[in-house]
PDB file of all heavy atoms in Angstrom:
ATOM      1  N   TYR A   1      84.921 -11.622 -82.855  1.00  0.00           N
ATOM      2  CA  TYR A   1      84.916 -12.929 -82.219  1.00  0.00           C
ATOM      3  C   TYR A   1      85.691 -12.964 -80.913  1.00  0.00           C
ATOM      4  O   TYR A   1      85.801 -14.008 -80.293  1.00  0.00           O
ATOM      5  CB  TYR A   1      85.486 -13.983 -83.176  1.00  0.00           C
ATOM      6  CG  TYR A   1      84.548 -14.247 -84.313  1.00  0.00           C
ATOM      7  CD1 TYR A   1      84.623 -13.509 -85.484  1.00  0.00           C
ATOM      8  CD2 TYR A   1      83.565 -15.212 -84.198  1.00  0.00           C
ATOM      9  CE1 TYR A   1      83.742 -13.736 -86.520  1.00  0.00           C
ATOM     10  CE2 TYR A   1      82.678 -15.443 -85.227  1.00  0.00           C
ATOM     11  CZ  TYR A   1      82.781 -14.707 -86.384  1.00  0.00           C
ATOM     12  OH  TYR A   1      81.901 -14.931 -87.403  1.00  0.00           O
ATOM     13  N   LEU A   2      86.251 -11.850 -80.508  1.00  0.00           N
ATOM     14  CA  LEU A   2      87.032 -11.808 -79.278  1.00  0.00           C
ATOM     15  C   LEU A   2      86.172 -11.271 -78.140  1.00  0.00           C
ATOM     16  O   LEU A   2      85.475 -10.279 -78.297  1.00  0.00           O
ATOM     17  CB  LEU A   2      88.273 -10.926 -79.468  1.00  0.00           C
ATOM     18  CG  LEU A   2      89.209 -11.400 -80.570  1.00  0.00           C
ATOM     19  CD1 LEU A   2      90.368 -10.424 -80.708  1.00  0.00           C
ATOM     20  CD2 LEU A   2      89.718 -12.794 -80.285  1.00  0.00           C
ATOM     21  N   HIS A   3      86.252 -11.906 -77.012  1.00  0.00           N
ATOM     22  CA  HIS A   3      85.443 -11.529 -75.856  1.00  0.00           C
ATOM     23  C   HIS A   3      86.291 -11.557 -74.596  1.00  0.00           C
ATOM     24  O   HIS A   3      87.214 -12.362 -74.471  1.00  0.00           O
ATOM     25  CB  HIS A   3      84.262 -12.504 -75.692  1.00  0.00           C
ATOM     26  CG  HIS A   3      83.421 -12.594 -76.913  1.00  0.00           C
ATOM     27  ND1 HIS A   3      82.467 -11.658 -77.220  1.00  0.00           N
ATOM     28  CD2 HIS A   3      83.424 -13.475 -77.939  1.00  0.00           C
ATOM     29  CE1 HIS A   3      81.900 -11.974 -78.366  1.00  0.00           C
ATOM     30  NE2 HIS A   3      82.461 -13.077 -78.822  1.00  0.00           N
ATOM     31  N   ALA A   4      85.956 -10.684 -73.680  1.00  0.00           N
ATOM     32  CA  ALA A   4      86.640 -10.694 -72.384  1.00  0.00           C
ATOM     33  C   ALA A   4      86.226 -11.952 -71.624  1.00  0.00           C
ATOM     34  O   ALA A   4      85.100 -12.418 -71.727  1.00  0.00           O
ATOM     35  CB  ALA A   4      86.267  -9.456 -71.586  1.00  0.00           C
ATOM     36  N   VAL A   5      87.151 -12.489 -70.872  1.00  0.00           N
ATOM     37  CA  VAL A   5      86.906 -13.707 -70.109  1.00  0.00           C
ATOM     38  C   VAL A   5      87.074 -13.382 -68.626  1.00  0.00           C
ATOM     39  O   VAL A   5      88.047 -12.745 -68.235  1.00  0.00           O
ATOM     40  CB  VAL A   5      87.892 -14.822 -70.529  1.00  0.00           C
ATOM     41  CG1 VAL A   5      87.714 -16.054 -69.672  1.00  0.00           C
ATOM     42  CG2 VAL A   5      87.720 -15.146 -71.999  1.00  0.00           C
ATOM     43  N   ASP A   6      86.115 -13.811 -67.814  1.00  0.00           N
ATOM     44  CA  ASP A   6      86.207 -13.586 -66.370  1.00  0.00           C
ATOM     45  C   ASP A   6      87.529 -14.119 -65.840  1.00  0.00           C
ATOM     46  O   ASP A   6      87.955 -15.215 -66.190  1.00  0.00           O
ATOM     47  CB  ASP A   6      85.060 -14.283 -65.636  1.00  0.00           C
ATOM     48  CG  ASP A   6      83.724 -13.609 -65.882  1.00  0.00           C
ATOM     49  OD1 ASP A   6      83.714 -12.434 -66.290  1.00  0.00           O
ATOM     50  OD2 ASP A   6      82.696 -14.271 -65.655  1.00  0.00           O
ATOM     51  N   GLY A   7      88.179 -13.338 -65.003  1.00  0.00           N
ATOM     52  CA  GLY A   7      89.414 -13.764 -64.377  1.00  0.00           C
ATOM     53  C   GLY A   7      90.665 -13.362 -65.139  1.00  0.00           C
ATOM     54  O   GLY A   7      91.764 -13.405 -64.601  1.00  0.00           O
ATOM     55  N   ARG A   8      90.523 -12.991 -66.401  1.00  0.00           N
ATOM     56  CA  ARG A   8      91.706 -12.625 -67.192  1.00  0.00           C
ATOM     57  C   ARG A   8      92.364 -11.365 -66.657  1.00  0.00           C
ATOM     58  O   ARG A   8      93.578 -11.218 -66.729  1.00  0.00           O
ATOM     59  CB  ARG A   8      91.334 -12.412 -68.664  1.00  0.00           C
ATOM     60  CG  ARG A   8      91.150 -13.680 -69.425  1.00  0.00           C
ATOM     61  CD  ARG A   8      92.436 -14.433 -69.654  1.00  0.00           C
ATOM     62  NE  ARG A   8      93.287 -13.696 -70.588  1.00  0.00           N
ATOM     63  CZ  ARG A   8      94.585 -13.855 -70.675  1.00  0.00           C
ATOM     64  NH1 ARG A   8      95.210 -14.713 -69.906  1.00  0.00           N
ATOM     65  NH2 ARG A   8      95.308 -13.169 -71.523  1.00  0.00           N
ATOM     66  N   ASP A   9      91.584 -10.435 -66.109  1.00  0.00           N
ATOM     67  CA  ASP A   9      92.174  -9.200 -65.590  1.00  0.00           C
ATOM     68  C   ASP A   9      93.187  -9.516 -64.500  1.00  0.00           C
ATOM     69  O   ASP A   9      94.272  -8.942 -64.459  1.00  0.00           O
ATOM     70  CB  ASP A   9      91.076  -8.263 -65.074  1.00  0.00           C
ATOM     71  CG  ASP A   9      91.624  -6.897 -64.737  1.00  0.00           C
ATOM     72  OD1 ASP A   9      92.410  -6.350 -65.540  1.00  0.00           O
ATOM     73  OD2 ASP A   9      91.271  -6.376 -63.664  1.00  0.00           O
ATOM     74  N   ARG A  10      92.860 -10.471 -63.626  1.00  0.00           N
ATOM     75  CA  ARG A  10      93.799 -10.875 -62.572  1.00  0.00           C
ATOM     76  C   ARG A  10      95.046 -11.522 -63.170  1.00  0.00           C
ATOM     77  O   ARG A  10      96.160 -11.287 -62.721  1.00  0.00           O
ATOM     78  CB  ARG A  10      93.119 -11.832 -61.591  1.00  0.00           C
ATOM     79  CG  ARG A  10      92.143 -11.125 -60.638  1.00  0.00           C
ATOM     80  CD  ARG A  10      91.593 -12.092 -59.592  1.00  0.00           C
ATOM     81  NE  ARG A  10      90.790 -13.152 -60.176  1.00  0.00           N
ATOM     82  CZ  ARG A  10      89.501 -13.029 -60.517  1.00  0.00           C
ATOM     83  NH1 ARG A  10      88.880 -11.881 -60.318  1.00  0.00           N
ATOM     84  NH2 ARG A  10      88.849 -14.037 -61.033  1.00  0.00           N
ATOM     85  N   GLU A  11      94.858 -12.349 -64.195  1.00  0.00           N
ATOM     86  CA  GLU A  11      95.999 -12.981 -64.851  1.00  0.00           C
ATOM     87  C   GLU A  11      96.901 -11.938 -65.501  1.00  0.00           C
ATOM     88  O   GLU A  11      98.132 -12.049 -65.444  1.00  0.00           O
ATOM     89  CB  GLU A  11      95.515 -13.978 -65.905  1.00  0.00           C
ATOM     90  CG  GLU A  11      94.845 -15.205 -65.328  1.00  0.00           C
ATOM     91  CD  GLU A  11      94.295 -16.109 -66.414  1.00  0.00           C
ATOM     92  OE1 GLU A  11      94.814 -16.078 -67.554  1.00  0.00           O
ATOM     93  OE2 GLU A  11      93.346 -16.850 -66.128  1.00  0.00           O
ATOM     94  N   ILE A  12      96.297 -10.937 -66.122  1.00  0.00           N
ATOM     95  CA  ILE A  12      97.070  -9.872 -66.763  1.00  0.00           C
ATOM     96  C   ILE A  12      97.843  -9.087 -65.715  1.00  0.00           C
ATOM     97  O   ILE A  12      99.036  -8.794 -65.891  1.00  0.00           O
ATOM     98  CB  ILE A  12      96.145  -8.957 -67.592  1.00  0.00           C
ATOM     99  CG1 ILE A  12      95.579  -9.735 -68.790  1.00  0.00           C
ATOM    100  CG2 ILE A  12      96.883  -7.700 -68.061  1.00  0.00           C
ATOM    101  CD1 ILE A  12      94.421  -9.053 -69.482  1.00  0.00           C
ATOM    102  N   ALA A  13      97.193  -8.761 -64.602  1.00  0.00           N
ATOM    103  CA  ALA A  13      97.869  -8.027 -63.531  1.00  0.00           C
ATOM    104  C   ALA A  13      99.043  -8.832 -62.984  1.00  0.00           C
ATOM    105  O   ALA A  13     100.121  -8.281 -62.736  1.00  0.00           O
ATOM    106  CB  ALA A  13      96.879  -7.697 -62.408  1.00  0.00           C
ATOM    107  N   LYS A  14      98.861 -10.133 -62.808  1.00  0.00           N
ATOM    108  CA  LYS A  14      99.954 -10.985 -62.317  1.00  0.00           C
ATOM    109  C   LYS A  14     101.113 -11.004 -63.309  1.00  0.00           C
ATOM    110  O   LYS A  14     102.281 -10.914 -62.929  1.00  0.00           O
ATOM    111  CB  LYS A  14      99.447 -12.401 -62.068  1.00  0.00           C
ATOM    112  CG  LYS A  14     100.520 -13.316 -61.522  1.00  0.00           C
ATOM    113  CD  LYS A  14      99.993 -14.715 -61.282  1.00  0.00           C
ATOM    114  CE  LYS A  14     101.136 -15.598 -60.798  1.00  0.00           C
ATOM    115  NZ  LYS A  14     100.813 -16.999 -60.822  1.00  0.00           N
ATOM    116  N   ALA A  15     100.792 -11.110 -64.604  1.00  0.00           N
ATOM    117  CA  ALA A  15     101.840 -11.125 -65.629  1.00  0.00           C
ATOM    118  C   ALA A  15     102.589  -9.798 -65.652  1.00  0.00           C
ATOM    119  O   ALA A  15     103.814  -9.771 -65.807  1.00  0.00           O
ATOM    120  CB  ALA A  15     101.232 -11.420 -67.000  1.00  0.00           C
ATOM    121  N   LEU A  16     101.881  -8.678 -65.443  1.00  0.00           N
ATOM    122  CA  LEU A  16     102.538  -7.366 -65.378  1.00  0.00           C
ATOM    123  C   LEU A  16     103.453  -7.285 -64.165  1.00  0.00           C
ATOM    124  O   LEU A  16     104.558  -6.740 -64.236  1.00  0.00           O
ATOM    125  CB  LEU A  16     101.494  -6.242 -65.351  1.00  0.00           C
ATOM    126  CG  LEU A  16     100.744  -6.015 -66.658  1.00  0.00           C
ATOM    127  CD1 LEU A  16      99.578  -5.074 -66.429  1.00  0.00           C
ATOM    128  CD2 LEU A  16     101.679  -5.491 -67.734  1.00  0.00           C
ATOM    129  N   TRP A  17     102.990  -7.833 -63.032  1.00  0.00           N
ATOM    130  CA  TRP A  17     103.819  -7.857 -61.829  1.00  0.00           C
ATOM    131  C   TRP A  17     105.096  -8.663 -62.078  1.00  0.00           C
ATOM    132  O   TRP A  17     106.184  -8.252 -61.719  1.00  0.00           O
ATOM    133  CB  TRP A  17     103.028  -8.449 -60.659  1.00  0.00           C
ATOM    134  CG  TRP A  17     103.895  -8.689 -59.463  1.00  0.00           C
ATOM    135  CD1 TRP A  17     104.317  -7.764 -58.541  1.00  0.00           C
ATOM    136  CD2 TRP A  17     104.493  -9.933 -59.077  1.00  0.00           C
ATOM    137  NE1 TRP A  17     105.128  -8.366 -57.609  1.00  0.00           N
ATOM    138  CE2 TRP A  17     105.257  -9.697 -57.918  1.00  0.00           C
ATOM    139  CE3 TRP A  17     104.454 -11.214 -59.602  1.00  0.00           C
ATOM    140  CZ2 TRP A  17     105.957 -10.695 -57.269  1.00  0.00           C
ATOM    141  CZ3 TRP A  17     105.157 -12.215 -58.967  1.00  0.00           C
ATOM    142  CH2 TRP A  17     105.908 -11.945 -57.803  1.00  0.00           C
ATOM    143  N   GLU A  18     104.955  -9.852 -62.705  1.00  0.00           N
ATOM    144  CA  GLU A  18     106.119 -10.687 -62.986  1.00  0.00           C
ATOM    145  C   GLU A  18     107.092  -9.981 -63.928  1.00  0.00           C
ATOM    146  O   GLU A  18     108.305 -10.039 -63.745  1.00  0.00           O
ATOM    147  CB  GLU A  18     105.679 -12.027 -63.574  1.00  0.00           C
ATOM    148  CG  GLU A  18     105.009 -12.917 -62.552  1.00  0.00           C
ATOM    149  CD  GLU A  18     104.429 -14.182 -63.167  1.00  0.00           C
ATOM    150  OE1 GLU A  18     104.563 -14.390 -64.396  1.00  0.00           O
ATOM    151  OE2 GLU A  18     103.832 -14.964 -62.412  1.00  0.00           O
ATOM    152  N   LEU A  19     106.555  -9.283 -64.899  1.00  0.00           N
ATOM    153  CA  LEU A  19     107.398  -8.534 -65.827  1.00  0.00           C
ATOM    154  C   LEU A  19     108.165  -7.441 -65.089  1.00  0.00           C
ATOM    155  O   LEU A  19     109.370  -7.282 -65.274  1.00  0.00           O
ATOM    156  CB  LEU A  19     106.532  -7.925 -66.936  1.00  0.00           C
ATOM    157  CG  LEU A  19     107.248  -7.185 -68.045  1.00  0.00           C
ATOM    158  CD1 LEU A  19     108.160  -8.118 -68.819  1.00  0.00           C
ATOM    159  CD2 LEU A  19     106.226  -6.559 -68.982  1.00  0.00           C
ATOM    160  N   ALA A  20     107.468  -6.723 -64.226  1.00  0.00           N
ATOM    161  CA  ALA A  20     108.117  -5.651 -63.458  1.00  0.00           C
ATOM    162  C   ALA A  20     109.125  -6.214 -62.468  1.00  0.00           C
ATOM    163  O   ALA A  20     110.214  -5.674 -62.297  1.00  0.00           O
ATOM    164  CB  ALA A  20     107.066  -4.822 -62.725  1.00  0.00           C
ATOM    165  N   ALA A  21     108.785  -7.311 -61.808  1.00  0.00           N
ATOM    166  CA  ALA A  21     109.653  -7.890 -60.790  1.00  0.00           C
ATOM    167  C   ALA A  21     110.948  -8.438 -61.383  1.00  0.00           C
ATOM    168  O   ALA A  21     111.991  -8.380 -60.749  1.00  0.00           O
ATOM    169  CB  ALA A  21     108.912  -9.002 -60.042  1.00  0.00           C
ATOM    170  N   HIS A  22     110.864  -8.966 -62.565  1.00  0.00           N
ATOM    171  CA  HIS A  22     112.038  -9.603 -63.160  1.00  0.00           C
ATOM    172  C   HIS A  22     112.734  -8.723 -64.183  1.00  0.00           C
ATOM    173  O   HIS A  22     113.811  -9.082 -64.658  1.00  0.00           O
ATOM    174  CB  HIS A  22     111.648 -10.939 -63.789  1.00  0.00           C
ATOM    175  CG  HIS A  22     111.061 -11.884 -62.785  1.00  0.00           C
ATOM    176  ND1 HIS A  22     111.799 -12.446 -61.762  1.00  0.00           N
ATOM    177  CD2 HIS A  22     109.803 -12.330 -62.628  1.00  0.00           C
ATOM    178  CE1 HIS A  22     111.009 -13.210 -61.035  1.00  0.00           C
ATOM    179  NE2 HIS A  22     109.798 -13.154 -61.530  1.00  0.00           N
ATOM    180  N   GLY A  23     112.123  -7.599 -64.537  1.00  0.00           N
ATOM    181  CA  GLY A  23     112.744  -6.673 -65.479  1.00  0.00           C
ATOM    182  C   GLY A  23     113.122  -7.314 -66.798  1.00  0.00           C
ATOM    183  O   GLY A  23     114.171  -7.026 -67.355  1.00  0.00           O
ATOM    184  N   ASP A  24     112.294  -8.190 -67.294  1.00  0.00           N
ATOM    185  CA  ASP A  24     112.581  -8.915 -68.521  1.00  0.00           C
ATOM    186  C   ASP A  24     112.254  -8.044 -69.728  1.00  0.00           C
ATOM    187  O   ASP A  24     111.176  -8.109 -70.297  1.00  0.00           O
ATOM    188  CB  ASP A  24     111.767 -10.216 -68.552  1.00  0.00           C
ATOM    189  CG  ASP A  24     112.175 -11.128 -69.695  1.00  0.00           C
ATOM    190  OD1 ASP A  24     112.995 -10.708 -70.538  1.00  0.00           O
ATOM    191  OD2 ASP A  24     111.668 -12.263 -69.734  1.00  0.00           O
ATOM    192  N   VAL A  25     113.215  -7.238 -70.135  1.00  0.00           N
ATOM    193  CA  VAL A  25     113.019  -6.290 -71.224  1.00  0.00           C
ATOM    194  C   VAL A  25     112.692  -7.001 -72.534  1.00  0.00           C
ATOM    195  O   VAL A  25     111.960  -6.480 -73.361  1.00  0.00           O
ATOM    196  CB  VAL A  25     114.285  -5.399 -71.392  1.00  0.00           C
ATOM    197  CG1 VAL A  25     114.140  -4.463 -72.560  1.00  0.00           C
ATOM    198  CG2 VAL A  25     114.535  -4.625 -70.110  1.00  0.00           C
ATOM    199  N   ALA A  26     113.187  -8.205 -72.710  1.00  0.00           N
ATOM    200  CA  ALA A  26     112.950  -8.929 -73.954  1.00  0.00           C
ATOM    201  C   ALA A  26     111.464  -9.214 -74.169  1.00  0.00           C
ATOM    202  O   ALA A  26     111.025  -9.401 -75.298  1.00  0.00           O
ATOM    203  CB  ALA A  26     113.737 -10.237 -73.950  1.00  0.00           C
ATOM    204  N   ARG A  27     110.687  -9.235 -73.094  1.00  0.00           N
ATOM    205  CA  ARG A  27     109.263  -9.527 -73.220  1.00  0.00           C
ATOM    206  C   ARG A  27     108.435  -8.272 -73.461  1.00  0.00           C
ATOM    207  O   ARG A  27     107.230  -8.368 -73.672  1.00  0.00           O
ATOM    208  CB  ARG A  27     108.769 -10.237 -71.966  1.00  0.00           C
ATOM    209  CG  ARG A  27     109.352 -11.637 -71.853  1.00  0.00           C
ATOM    210  CD  ARG A  27     108.969 -12.330 -70.584  1.00  0.00           C
ATOM    211  NE  ARG A  27     107.543 -12.334 -70.353  1.00  0.00           N
ATOM    212  CZ  ARG A  27     106.982 -12.581 -69.170  1.00  0.00           C
ATOM    213  NH1 ARG A  27     107.739 -12.838 -68.133  1.00  0.00           N
ATOM    214  NH2 ARG A  27     105.682 -12.564 -69.028  1.00  0.00           N
ATOM    215  N   LEU A  28     109.045  -7.103 -73.443  1.00  0.00           N
ATOM    216  CA  LEU A  28     108.314  -5.869 -73.688  1.00  0.00           C
ATOM    217  C   LEU A  28     108.167  -5.622 -75.188  1.00  0.00           C
ATOM    218  O   LEU A  28     108.991  -6.065 -75.978  1.00  0.00           O
ATOM    219  CB  LEU A  28     109.050  -4.682 -73.057  1.00  0.00           C
ATOM    220  CG  LEU A  28     109.087  -4.648 -71.533  1.00  0.00           C
ATOM    221  CD1 LEU A  28     109.996  -3.518 -71.068  1.00  0.00           C
ATOM    222  CD2 LEU A  28     107.695  -4.477 -70.965  1.00  0.00           C
ATOM    223  N   PRO A  29     107.124  -4.892 -75.593  1.00  0.00           N
ATOM    224  CA  PRO A  29     106.993  -4.536 -77.007  1.00  0.00           C
ATOM    225  C   PRO A  29     108.228  -3.752 -77.470  1.00  0.00           C
ATOM    226  O   PRO A  29     108.855  -3.044 -76.683  1.00  0.00           O
ATOM    227  CB  PRO A  29     105.750  -3.646 -77.033  1.00  0.00           C
ATOM    228  CG  PRO A  29     104.983  -4.022 -75.812  1.00  0.00           C
ATOM    229  CD  PRO A  29     106.017  -4.410 -74.791  1.00  0.00           C
ATOM    230  N   ARG A  30     108.568  -3.866 -78.731  1.00  0.00           N
ATOM    231  CA  ARG A  30     109.779  -3.249 -79.264  1.00  0.00           C
ATOM    232  C   ARG A  30     109.810  -1.731 -79.127  1.00  0.00           C
ATOM    233  O   ARG A  30     110.867  -1.142 -79.063  1.00  0.00           O
ATOM    234  CB  ARG A  30     109.935  -3.612 -80.737  1.00  0.00           C
ATOM    235  CG  ARG A  30     110.261  -5.061 -80.915  1.00  0.00           C
ATOM    236  CD  ARG A  30     110.486  -5.375 -82.368  1.00  0.00           C
ATOM    237  NE  ARG A  30     110.553  -6.820 -82.508  1.00  0.00           N
ATOM    238  CZ  ARG A  30     110.247  -7.454 -83.599  1.00  0.00           C
ATOM    239  NH1 ARG A  30     109.892  -6.817 -84.654  1.00  0.00           N
ATOM    240  NH2 ARG A  30     110.312  -8.769 -83.631  1.00  0.00           N
ATOM    241  N   HIS A  31     108.644  -1.092 -79.127  1.00  0.00           N
ATOM    242  CA  HIS A  31     108.631   0.369 -79.094  1.00  0.00           C
ATOM    243  C   HIS A  31     108.844   0.940 -77.695  1.00  0.00           C
ATOM    244  O   HIS A  31     108.927   2.135 -77.525  1.00  0.00           O
ATOM    245  CB  HIS A  31     107.342   0.919 -79.720  1.00  0.00           C
ATOM    246  CG  HIS A  31     106.117   0.557 -78.939  1.00  0.00           C
ATOM    247  ND1 HIS A  31     105.479  -0.640 -79.115  1.00  0.00           N
ATOM    248  CD2 HIS A  31     105.432   1.228 -77.991  1.00  0.00           C
ATOM    249  CE1 HIS A  31     104.442  -0.685 -78.292  1.00  0.00           C
ATOM    250  NE2 HIS A  31     104.386   0.413 -77.614  1.00  0.00           N
ATOM    251  N   ILE A  32     108.965   0.089 -76.672  1.00  0.00           N
ATOM    252  CA  ILE A  32     109.211   0.559 -75.314  1.00  0.00           C
ATOM    253  C   ILE A  32     110.708   0.423 -75.023  1.00  0.00           C
ATOM    254  O   ILE A  32     111.299  -0.625 -75.243  1.00  0.00           O
ATOM    255  CB  ILE A  32     108.413  -0.261 -74.273  1.00  0.00           C
ATOM    256  CG1 ILE A  32     106.922  -0.027 -74.489  1.00  0.00           C
ATOM    257  CG2 ILE A  32     108.828   0.101 -72.859  1.00  0.00           C
ATOM    258  CD1 ILE A  32     106.034  -0.848 -73.580  1.00  0.00           C
ATOM    259  N   THR A  33     111.295   1.481 -74.530  1.00  0.00           N
ATOM    260  CA  THR A  33     112.724   1.454 -74.189  1.00  0.00           C
ATOM    261  C   THR A  33     112.852   1.565 -72.686  1.00  0.00           C
ATOM    262  O   THR A  33     112.279   2.469 -72.063  1.00  0.00           O
ATOM    263  CB  THR A  33     113.477   2.619 -74.856  1.00  0.00           C
ATOM    264  OG1 THR A  33     113.228   2.554 -76.259  1.00  0.00           O
ATOM    265  CG2 THR A  33     114.951   2.528 -74.588  1.00  0.00           C
TER     266      THR A  33
END
């Protein structure tokens, strides 16, 4: 029932940029150090 949605790739890239820019380790999965 899950489908890709147009435009989500850009949203994901932006969220990754924000994560990298702010270094918010708490938002990373637990298995990443």
